Full PDB file with SEQRES, HELIX, SHEET, SSBOND, CRYST1, ORIGX, SCALE, CONECT and MASTER records, all heavy atoms in Angstrom:
SEQRES   1 A   36  TYR ARG GLN ALA PRO GLY THR GLN ARG GLU LEU VAL ALA          
SEQRES   2 A   36  THR ILE THR GLY ILE GLY ARG THR ASN TYR ALA ASP SER          
SEQRES   3 A   36  VAL LYS GLY ARG PHE SER ILE SER ARG GLY                      
SHEET    1 AA1 2 ALA A  13  ILE A  15  0                                        
SHEET    2 AA1 2 THR A  21  TYR A  23 -1                                        
CRYST1    1.000    1.000    1.000  90.00  90.00  90.00 P 1           1          
ORIGX1      1.000000  0.000000  0.000000        0.00000                         
ORIGX2      0.000000  1.000000  0.000000        0.00000                         
ORIGX3      0.000000  0.000000  1.000000        0.00000                         
SCALE1      1.000000  0.000000  0.000000        0.00000                         
SCALE2      0.000000  1.000000  0.000000        0.00000                         
SCALE3      0.000000  0.000000  1.000000        0.00000                         
ATOM      1  N   TYR A   1     125.210  51.019  36.586  1.00  0.00           N  
ATOM      2  CA  TYR A   1     125.004  49.772  35.880  1.00  0.00           C  
ATOM      3  C   TYR A   1     125.013  50.078  34.393  1.00  0.00           C  
ATOM      4  O   TYR A   1     124.867  51.231  33.995  1.00  0.00           O  
ATOM      5  CB  TYR A   1     123.672  49.129  36.285  1.00  0.00           C  
ATOM      6  CG  TYR A   1     123.646  48.639  37.715  1.00  0.00           C  
ATOM      7  CD1 TYR A   1     123.594  49.539  38.779  1.00  0.00           C  
ATOM      8  CD2 TYR A   1     123.655  47.275  38.004  1.00  0.00           C  
ATOM      9  CE1 TYR A   1     123.582  49.090  40.096  1.00  0.00           C  
ATOM     10  CE2 TYR A   1     123.631  46.820  39.316  1.00  0.00           C  
ATOM     11  CZ  TYR A   1     123.601  47.736  40.349  1.00  0.00           C  
ATOM     12  OH  TYR A   1     123.588  47.293  41.645  1.00  0.00           O  
ATOM     13  N   ARG A   2     125.174  49.061  33.577  1.00  0.00           N  
ATOM     14  CA  ARG A   2     125.136  49.281  32.128  1.00  0.00           C  
ATOM     15  C   ARG A   2     124.462  48.125  31.429  1.00  0.00           C  
ATOM     16  O   ARG A   2     124.420  47.002  31.946  1.00  0.00           O  
ATOM     17  CB  ARG A   2     126.546  49.496  31.575  1.00  0.00           C  
ATOM     18  CG  ARG A   2     127.452  48.269  31.629  1.00  0.00           C  
ATOM     19  CD  ARG A   2     128.867  48.643  31.199  1.00  0.00           C  
ATOM     20  NE  ARG A   2     129.765  47.483  31.209  1.00  0.00           N  
ATOM     21  CZ  ARG A   2     131.070  47.561  31.008  1.00  0.00           C  
ATOM     22  NH1 ARG A   2     131.640  48.742  30.765  1.00  0.00           N  
ATOM     23  NH2 ARG A   2     131.813  46.468  31.033  1.00  0.00           N  
ATOM     24  N   GLN A   3     123.941  48.436  30.252  1.00  0.00           N  
ATOM     25  CA  GLN A   3     123.258  47.419  29.455  1.00  0.00           C  
ATOM     26  C   GLN A   3     123.587  47.634  27.995  1.00  0.00           C  
ATOM     27  O   GLN A   3     123.257  48.678  27.430  1.00  0.00           O  
ATOM     28  CB  GLN A   3     121.755  47.468  29.687  1.00  0.00           C  
ATOM     29  CG  GLN A   3     120.993  46.338  29.025  1.00  0.00           C  
ATOM     30  CD  GLN A   3     119.552  46.271  29.487  1.00  0.00           C  
ATOM     31  OE1 GLN A   3     119.012  47.233  30.045  1.00  0.00           O  
ATOM     32  NE2 GLN A   3     118.914  45.122  29.284  1.00  0.00           N  
ATOM     33  N   ALA A   4     124.241  46.645  27.409  1.00  0.00           N  
ATOM     34  CA  ALA A   4     124.530  46.664  25.981  1.00  0.00           C  
ATOM     35  C   ALA A   4     123.387  45.966  25.244  1.00  0.00           C  
ATOM     36  O   ALA A   4     122.666  45.164  25.841  1.00  0.00           O  
ATOM     37  CB  ALA A   4     125.851  45.960  25.708  1.00  0.00           C  
ATOM     38  N   PRO A   5     123.212  46.251  23.953  1.00  0.00           N  
ATOM     39  CA  PRO A   5     122.121  45.624  23.194  1.00  0.00           C  
ATOM     40  C   PRO A   5     122.176  44.102  23.288  1.00  0.00           C  
ATOM     41  O   PRO A   5     123.242  43.502  23.123  1.00  0.00           O  
ATOM     42  CB  PRO A   5     122.370  46.104  21.767  1.00  0.00           C  
ATOM     43  CG  PRO A   5     123.092  47.400  21.928  1.00  0.00           C  
ATOM     44  CD  PRO A   5     123.951  47.218  23.137  1.00  0.00           C  
ATOM     45  N   GLY A   6     121.040  43.490  23.579  1.00  0.00           N  
ATOM     46  CA  GLY A   6     120.958  42.038  23.626  1.00  0.00           C  
ATOM     47  C   GLY A   6     121.534  41.410  24.880  1.00  0.00           C  
ATOM     48  O   GLY A   6     121.658  40.177  24.954  1.00  0.00           O  
ATOM     49  N   THR A   7     121.874  42.211  25.863  1.00  0.00           N  
ATOM     50  CA  THR A   7     122.444  41.672  27.099  1.00  0.00           C  
ATOM     51  C   THR A   7     121.634  42.145  28.292  1.00  0.00           C  
ATOM     52  O   THR A   7     120.809  43.057  28.191  1.00  0.00           O  
ATOM     53  CB  THR A   7     123.906  42.099  27.290  1.00  0.00           C  
ATOM     54  OG1 THR A   7     123.958  43.512  27.558  1.00  0.00           O  
ATOM     55  CG2 THR A   7     124.737  41.791  26.045  1.00  0.00           C  
ATOM     56  N   GLN A   8     121.888  41.524  29.445  1.00  0.00           N  
ATOM     57  CA  GLN A   8     121.230  41.949  30.672  1.00  0.00           C  
ATOM     58  C   GLN A   8     121.988  43.108  31.300  1.00  0.00           C  
ATOM     59  O   GLN A   8     123.183  43.292  31.062  1.00  0.00           O  
ATOM     60  CB  GLN A   8     121.170  40.779  31.658  1.00  0.00           C  
ATOM     61  CG  GLN A   8     120.233  39.658  31.236  1.00  0.00           C  
ATOM     62  CD  GLN A   8     120.092  38.605  32.318  1.00  0.00           C  
ATOM     63  OE1 GLN A   8     120.989  38.396  33.125  1.00  0.00           O  
ATOM     64  NE2 GLN A   8     118.945  37.948  32.349  1.00  0.00           N  
ATOM     65  N   ARG A   9     121.271  43.884  32.078  1.00  0.00           N  
ATOM     66  CA  ARG A   9     121.904  44.982  32.803  1.00  0.00           C  
ATOM     67  C   ARG A   9     122.909  44.392  33.791  1.00  0.00           C  
ATOM     68  O   ARG A   9     122.607  43.419  34.493  1.00  0.00           O  
ATOM     69  CB  ARG A   9     120.857  45.817  33.532  1.00  0.00           C  
ATOM     70  CG  ARG A   9     121.368  47.128  34.066  1.00  0.00           C  
ATOM     71  CD  ARG A   9     120.234  47.989  34.599  1.00  0.00           C  
ATOM     72  NE  ARG A   9     119.287  48.347  33.551  1.00  0.00           N  
ATOM     73  CZ  ARG A   9     118.280  49.197  33.738  1.00  0.00           C  
ATOM     74  NH1 ARG A   9     118.094  49.772  34.919  1.00  0.00           N  
ATOM     75  NH2 ARG A   9     117.458  49.462  32.746  1.00  0.00           N  
ATOM     76  N   GLU A  10     124.083  44.993  33.846  1.00  0.00           N  
ATOM     77  CA  GLU A  10     125.126  44.485  34.722  1.00  0.00           C  
ATOM     78  C   GLU A  10     125.709  45.597  35.595  1.00  0.00           C  
ATOM     79  O   GLU A  10     125.729  46.764  35.206  1.00  0.00           O  
ATOM     80  CB  GLU A  10     126.262  43.846  33.906  1.00  0.00           C  
ATOM     81  CG  GLU A  10     127.010  44.811  33.007  1.00  0.00           C  
ATOM     82  CD  GLU A  10     128.172  44.166  32.289  1.00  0.00           C  
ATOM     83  OE1 GLU A  10     128.355  42.942  32.382  1.00  0.00           O  
ATOM     84  OE2 GLU A  10     128.931  44.913  31.629  1.00  0.00           O  
ATOM     85  N   LEU A  11     126.196  45.194  36.752  1.00  0.00           N  
ATOM     86  CA  LEU A  11     126.813  46.136  37.675  1.00  0.00           C  
ATOM     87  C   LEU A  11     128.144  46.621  37.102  1.00  0.00           C  
ATOM     88  O   LEU A  11     128.923  45.830  36.565  1.00  0.00           O  
ATOM     89  CB  LEU A  11     127.034  45.467  39.027  1.00  0.00           C  
ATOM     90  CG  LEU A  11     127.705  46.284  40.127  1.00  0.00           C  
ATOM     91  CD1 LEU A  11     127.149  45.869  41.479  1.00  0.00           C  
ATOM     92  CD2 LEU A  11     129.217  46.129  40.121  1.00  0.00           C  
ATOM     93  N   VAL A  12     128.370  47.927  37.237  1.00  0.00           N  
ATOM     94  CA  VAL A  12     129.660  48.504  36.873  1.00  0.00           C  
ATOM     95  C   VAL A  12     130.431  48.845  38.147  1.00  0.00           C  
ATOM     96  O   VAL A  12     131.562  48.420  38.346  1.00  0.00           O  
ATOM     97  CB  VAL A  12     129.483  49.757  36.004  1.00  0.00           C  
ATOM     98  CG1 VAL A  12     130.836  50.400  35.715  1.00  0.00           C  
ATOM     99  CG2 VAL A  12     128.762  49.410  34.705  1.00  0.00           C  
ATOM    100  N   ALA A  13     129.807  49.655  39.012  1.00  0.00           N  
ATOM    101  CA  ALA A  13     130.469  50.068  40.248  1.00  0.00           C  
ATOM    102  C   ALA A  13     129.425  50.569  41.227  1.00  0.00           C  
ATOM    103  O   ALA A  13     128.398  51.124  40.818  1.00  0.00           O  
ATOM    104  CB  ALA A  13     131.500  51.160  39.977  1.00  0.00           C  
ATOM    105  N   THR A  14     129.691  50.380  42.518  1.00  0.00           N  
ATOM    106  CA  THR A  14     128.820  50.903  43.565  1.00  0.00           C  
ATOM    107  C   THR A  14     129.656  51.563  44.640  1.00  0.00           C  
ATOM    108  O   THR A  14     130.857  51.282  44.775  1.00  0.00           O  
ATOM    109  CB  THR A  14     127.960  49.802  44.213  1.00  0.00           C  
ATOM    110  OG1 THR A  14     128.827  48.810  44.790  1.00  0.00           O  
ATOM    111  CG2 THR A  14     127.044  49.144  43.193  1.00  0.00           C  
ATOM    112  N   ILE A  15     129.003  52.440  45.393  1.00  0.00           N  
ATOM    113  CA  ILE A  15     129.672  53.109  46.498  1.00  0.00           C  
ATOM    114  C   ILE A  15     128.684  53.265  47.639  1.00  0.00           C  
ATOM    115  O   ILE A  15     127.528  53.652  47.419  1.00  0.00           O  
ATOM    116  CB  ILE A  15     130.257  54.474  46.058  1.00  0.00           C  
ATOM    117  CG1 ILE A  15     131.061  55.117  47.189  1.00  0.00           C  
ATOM    118  CG2 ILE A  15     129.183  55.397  45.518  1.00  0.00           C  
ATOM    119  CD1 ILE A  15     131.910  56.296  46.721  1.00  0.00           C  
ATOM    120  N   THR A  16     129.124  52.953  48.850  1.00  0.00           N  
ATOM    121  CA  THR A  16     128.235  53.039  50.001  1.00  0.00           C  
ATOM    122  C   THR A  16     128.260  54.459  50.580  1.00  0.00           C  
ATOM    123  O   THR A  16     129.036  55.314  50.139  1.00  0.00           O  
ATOM    124  CB  THR A  16     128.658  52.060  51.096  1.00  0.00           C  
ATOM    125  OG1 THR A  16     129.914  52.498  51.659  1.00  0.00           O  
ATOM    126  CG2 THR A  16     128.829  50.646  50.551  1.00  0.00           C  
ATOM    127  N   GLY A  17     127.430  54.664  51.591  1.00  0.00           N  
ATOM    128  CA  GLY A  17     127.363  55.961  52.243  1.00  0.00           C  
ATOM    129  C   GLY A  17     128.659  56.359  52.926  1.00  0.00           C  
ATOM    130  O   GLY A  17     128.909  57.553  53.142  1.00  0.00           O  
ATOM    131  N   ILE A  18     129.490  55.381  53.250  1.00  0.00           N  
ATOM    132  CA  ILE A  18     130.765  55.685  53.912  1.00  0.00           C  
ATOM    133  C   ILE A  18     131.927  55.557  52.939  1.00  0.00           C  
ATOM    134  O   ILE A  18     133.085  55.559  53.350  1.00  0.00           O  
ATOM    135  CB  ILE A  18     130.993  54.780  55.137  1.00  0.00           C  
ATOM    136  CG1 ILE A  18     130.977  53.304  54.750  1.00  0.00           C  
ATOM    137  CG2 ILE A  18     129.957  55.076  56.213  1.00  0.00           C  
ATOM    138  CD1 ILE A  18     131.386  52.373  55.866  1.00  0.00           C  
ATOM    139  N   GLY A  19     131.602  55.438  51.663  1.00  0.00           N  
ATOM    140  CA  GLY A  19     132.644  55.488  50.652  1.00  0.00           C  
ATOM    141  C   GLY A  19     133.268  54.166  50.258  1.00  0.00           C  
ATOM    142  O   GLY A  19     134.261  54.149  49.524  1.00  0.00           O  
ATOM    143  N   ARG A  20     132.697  53.066  50.705  1.00  0.00           N  
ATOM    144  CA  ARG A  20     133.235  51.771  50.306  1.00  0.00           C  
ATOM    145  C   ARG A  20     132.807  51.487  48.866  1.00  0.00           C  
ATOM    146  O   ARG A  20     131.633  51.613  48.520  1.00  0.00           O  
ATOM    147  CB  ARG A  20     132.724  50.677  51.232  1.00  0.00           C  
ATOM    148  CG  ARG A  20     133.309  49.307  50.971  1.00  0.00           C  
ATOM    149  CD  ARG A  20     132.946  48.370  52.098  1.00  0.00           C  
ATOM    150  NE  ARG A  20     133.530  48.811  53.367  1.00  0.00           N  
ATOM    151  CZ  ARG A  20     133.288  48.227  54.530  1.00  0.00           C  
ATOM    152  NH1 ARG A  20     132.467  47.201  54.596  1.00  0.00           N  
ATOM    153  NH2 ARG A  20     133.846  48.673  55.623  1.00  0.00           N  
ATOM    154  N   THR A  21     133.743  51.095  48.032  1.00  0.00           N  
ATOM    155  CA  THR A  21     133.475  50.903  46.614  1.00  0.00           C  
ATOM    156  C   THR A  21     133.576  49.438  46.200  1.00  0.00           C  
ATOM    157  O   THR A  21     134.249  48.629  46.839  1.00  0.00           O  
ATOM    158  CB  THR A  21     134.449  51.721  45.760  1.00  0.00           C  
ATOM    159  OG1 THR A  21     135.792  51.314  46.058  1.00  0.00           O  
ATOM    160  CG2 THR A  21     134.295  53.205  46.026  1.00  0.00           C  
ATOM    161  N   ASN A  22     132.890  49.140  45.101  1.00  0.00           N  
ATOM    162  CA  ASN A  22     132.915  47.798  44.526  1.00  0.00           C  
ATOM    163  C   ASN A  22     132.868  47.959  43.016  1.00  0.00           C  
ATOM    164  O   ASN A  22     132.100  48.792  42.504  1.00  0.00           O  
ATOM    165  CB  ASN A  22     131.715  46.978  45.014  1.00  0.00           C  
ATOM    166  CG  ASN A  22     131.702  45.588  44.419  1.00  0.00           C  
ATOM    167  OD1 ASN A  22     132.694  44.872  44.506  1.00  0.00           O  
ATOM    168  ND2 ASN A  22     130.599  45.196  43.814  1.00  0.00           N  
ATOM    169  N   TYR A  23     133.685  47.170  42.303  1.00  0.00           N  
ATOM    170  CA  TYR A  23     133.769  47.296  40.852  1.00  0.00           C  
ATOM    171  C   TYR A  23     133.611  45.933  40.177  1.00  0.00           C  
ATOM    172  O   TYR A  23     134.051  44.912  40.707  1.00  0.00           O  
ATOM    173  CB  TYR A  23     135.126  47.874  40.436  1.00  0.00           C  
ATOM    174  CG  TYR A  23     135.370  49.284  40.884  1.00  0.00           C  
ATOM    175  CD1 TYR A  23     136.038  49.544  42.082  1.00  0.00           C  
ATOM    176  CD2 TYR A  23     134.952  50.370  40.106  1.00  0.00           C  
ATOM    177  CE1 TYR A  23     136.269  50.839  42.503  1.00  0.00           C  
ATOM    178  CE2 TYR A  23     135.182  51.661  40.518  1.00  0.00           C  
ATOM    179  CZ  TYR A  23     135.840  51.894  41.714  1.00  0.00           C  
ATOM    180  OH  TYR A  23     136.066  53.187  42.125  1.00  0.00           O  
ATOM    181  N   ALA A  24     133.036  45.960  38.993  1.00  0.00           N  
ATOM    182  CA  ALA A  24     133.055  44.773  38.149  1.00  0.00           C  
ATOM    183  C   ALA A  24     134.496  44.507  37.734  1.00  0.00           C  
ATOM    184  O   ALA A  24     135.279  45.439  37.530  1.00  0.00           O  
ATOM    185  CB  ALA A  24     132.183  44.989  36.920  1.00  0.00           C  
ATOM    186  N   ASP A  25     134.836  43.238  37.604  1.00  0.00           N  
ATOM    187  CA  ASP A  25     136.221  42.887  37.235  1.00  0.00           C  
ATOM    188  C   ASP A  25     136.624  43.543  35.912  1.00  0.00           C  
ATOM    189  O   ASP A  25     137.781  43.923  35.726  1.00  0.00           O  
ATOM    190  CB  ASP A  25     136.364  41.367  37.120  1.00  0.00           C  
ATOM    191  CG  ASP A  25     136.352  40.678  38.472  1.00  0.00           C  
ATOM    192  OD1 ASP A  25     136.545  41.373  39.495  1.00  0.00           O  
ATOM    193  OD2 ASP A  25     136.152  39.453  38.504  1.00  0.00           O  
ATOM    194  N   SER A  26     135.676  43.692  35.011  1.00  0.00           N  
ATOM    195  CA  SER A  26     135.983  44.210  33.675  1.00  0.00           C  
ATOM    196  C   SER A  26     136.385  45.672  33.671  1.00  0.00           C  
ATOM    197  O   SER A  26     136.950  46.152  32.689  1.00  0.00           O  
ATOM    198  CB  SER A  26     134.782  44.014  32.748  1.00  0.00           C  
ATOM    199  OG  SER A  26     133.653  44.691  33.262  1.00  0.00           O  
ATOM    200  N   VAL A  27     136.103  46.391  34.760  1.00  0.00           N  
ATOM    201  CA  VAL A  27     136.418  47.824  34.781  1.00  0.00           C  
ATOM    202  C   VAL A  27     137.430  48.193  35.849  1.00  0.00           C  
ATOM    203  O   VAL A  27     137.845  49.359  35.939  1.00  0.00           O  
ATOM    204  CB  VAL A  27     135.142  48.676  34.959  1.00  0.00           C  
ATOM    205  CG1 VAL A  27     134.101  48.312  33.904  1.00  0.00           C  
ATOM    206  CG2 VAL A  27     134.562  48.536  36.365  1.00  0.00           C  
ATOM    207  N   LYS A  28     137.834  47.242  36.662  1.00  0.00           N  
ATOM    208  CA  LYS A  28     138.798  47.533  37.731  1.00  0.00           C  
ATOM    209  C   LYS A  28     140.086  48.112  37.146  1.00  0.00           C  
ATOM    210  O   LYS A  28     140.618  47.621  36.161  1.00  0.00           O  
ATOM    211  CB  LYS A  28     139.113  46.259  38.510  1.00  0.00           C  
ATOM    212  CG  LYS A  28     138.042  45.864  39.505  1.00  0.00           C  
ATOM    213  CD  LYS A  28     138.441  44.604  40.261  1.00  0.00           C  
ATOM    214  CE  LYS A  28     137.342  44.208  41.252  1.00  0.00           C  
ATOM    215  NZ  LYS A  28     137.666  42.933  41.937  1.00  0.00           N  
ATOM    216  N   GLY A  29     140.556  49.170  37.785  1.00  0.00           N  
ATOM    217  CA  GLY A  29     141.776  49.822  37.319  1.00  0.00           C  
ATOM    218  C   GLY A  29     141.557  50.843  36.222  1.00  0.00           C  
ATOM    219  O   GLY A  29     142.472  51.605  35.890  1.00  0.00           O  
ATOM    220  N   ARG A  30     140.351  50.865  35.648  1.00  0.00           N  
ATOM    221  CA  ARG A  30     140.060  51.821  34.572  1.00  0.00           C  
ATOM    222  C   ARG A  30     138.967  52.821  34.972  1.00  0.00           C  
ATOM    223  O   ARG A  30     138.993  53.967  34.537  1.00  0.00           O  
ATOM    224  CB  ARG A  30     139.616  51.081  33.309  1.00  0.00           C  
ATOM    225  CG  ARG A  30     140.633  50.116  32.758  1.00  0.00           C  
ATOM    226  CD  ARG A  30     140.202  49.562  31.387  1.00  0.00           C  
ATOM    227  NE  ARG A  30     138.949  48.809  31.464  1.00  0.00           N  
ATOM    228  CZ  ARG A  30     137.853  49.129  30.782  1.00  0.00           C  
ATOM    229  NH1 ARG A  30     137.846  50.180  29.970  1.00  0.00           N  
ATOM    230  NH2 ARG A  30     136.753  48.373  30.883  1.00  0.00           N  
ATOM    231  N   PHE A  31     138.009  52.374  35.764  1.00  0.00           N  
ATOM    232  CA  PHE A  31     136.893  53.227  36.184  1.00  0.00           C  
ATOM    233  C   PHE A  31     137.032  53.564  37.662  1.00  0.00           C  
ATOM    234  O   PHE A  31     137.556  52.763  38.452  1.00  0.00           O  
ATOM    235  CB  PHE A  31     135.567  52.514  35.976  1.00  0.00           C  
ATOM    236  CG  PHE A  31     135.165  52.312  34.535  1.00  0.00           C  
ATOM    237  CD1 PHE A  31     136.035  52.531  33.481  1.00  0.00           C  
ATOM    238  CD2 PHE A  31     133.870  51.891  34.237  1.00  0.00           C  
ATOM    239  CE1 PHE A  31     135.654  52.340  32.167  1.00  0.00           C  
ATOM    240  CE2 PHE A  31     133.463  51.703  32.937  1.00  0.00           C  
ATOM    241  CZ  PHE A  31     134.363  51.904  31.892  1.00  0.00           C  
ATOM    242  N   SER A  32     136.514  54.728  38.039  1.00  0.00           N  
ATOM    243  CA  SER A  32     136.543  55.145  39.436  1.00  0.00           C  
ATOM    244  C   SER A  32     135.214  55.797  39.797  1.00  0.00           C  
ATOM    245  O   SER A  32     134.765  56.720  39.108  1.00  0.00           O  
ATOM    246  CB  SER A  32     137.689  56.127  39.669  1.00  0.00           C  
ATOM    247  OG  SER A  32     137.697  56.572  41.012  1.00  0.00           O  
ATOM    248  N   ILE A  33     134.598  55.318  40.874  1.00  0.00           N  
ATOM    249  CA  ILE A  33     133.320  55.867  41.321  1.00  0.00           C  
ATOM    250  C   ILE A  33     133.562  56.743  42.552  1.00  0.00           C  
ATOM    251  O   ILE A  33     134.399  56.427  43.407  1.00  0.00           O  
ATOM    252  CB  ILE A  33     132.308  54.742  41.629  1.00  0.00           C  
ATOM    253  CG1 ILE A  33     130.911  55.314  41.872  1.00  0.00           C  
ATOM    254  CG2 ILE A  33     132.773  53.872  42.784  1.00  0.00           C  
ATOM    255  CD1 ILE A  33     129.827  54.251  41.936  1.00  0.00           C  
ATOM    256  N   SER A  34     132.826  57.841  42.628  1.00  0.00           N  
ATOM    257  CA  SER A  34     132.963  58.733  43.777  1.00  0.00           C  
ATOM    258  C   SER A  34     131.643  59.454  44.011  1.00  0.00           C  
ATOM    259  O   SER A  34     130.770  59.455  43.139  1.00  0.00           O  
ATOM    260  CB  SER A  34     134.086  59.748  43.548  1.00  0.00           C  
ATOM    261  OG  SER A  34     133.821  60.543  42.416  1.00  0.00           O  
ATOM    262  N   ARG A  35     131.527  60.074  45.182  1.00  0.00           N  
ATOM    263  CA  ARG A  35     130.317  60.818  45.507  1.00  0.00           C  
ATOM    264  C   ARG A  35     130.687  62.254  45.850  1.00  0.00           C  
ATOM    265  O   ARG A  35     131.780  62.535  46.344  1.00  0.00           O  
ATOM    266  CB  ARG A  35     129.583  60.172  46.690  1.00  0.00           C  
ATOM    267  CG  ARG A  35     129.023  58.826  46.358  1.00  0.00           C  
ATOM    268  CD  ARG A  35     128.413  58.123  47.534  1.00  0.00           C  
ATOM    269  NE  ARG A  35     127.121  58.683  47.936  1.00  0.00           N  
ATOM    270  CZ  ARG A  35     126.203  58.003  48.599  1.00  0.00           C  
ATOM    271  NH1 ARG A  35     126.431  56.754  48.935  1.00  0.00           N  
ATOM    272  NH2 ARG A  35     125.068  58.581  48.955  1.00  0.00           N  
ATOM    273  N   GLY A  36     129.745  63.161  45.571  1.00  0.00           N  
ATOM    274  CA  GLY A  36     129.945  64.545  45.922  1.00  0.00           C  
ATOM    275  C   GLY A  36     129.882  64.749  47.428  1.00  0.00           C  
ATOM    276  O   GLY A  36     129.445  63.871  48.167  1.00  0.00           O  
TER     277      GLY A  36                                                      
MASTER        0    0    0    0    2    0    0    6  276    1    0    3          
END                                                                             
């Protein structure tokens, strides 16, 4: 998640235990989440 000054904390990306991912529209195609 991320929080810029003066704004609320917002979701960036999540990943489940089986590797299913979810991204905020603003970062799709630019950010990638993964687990070790």
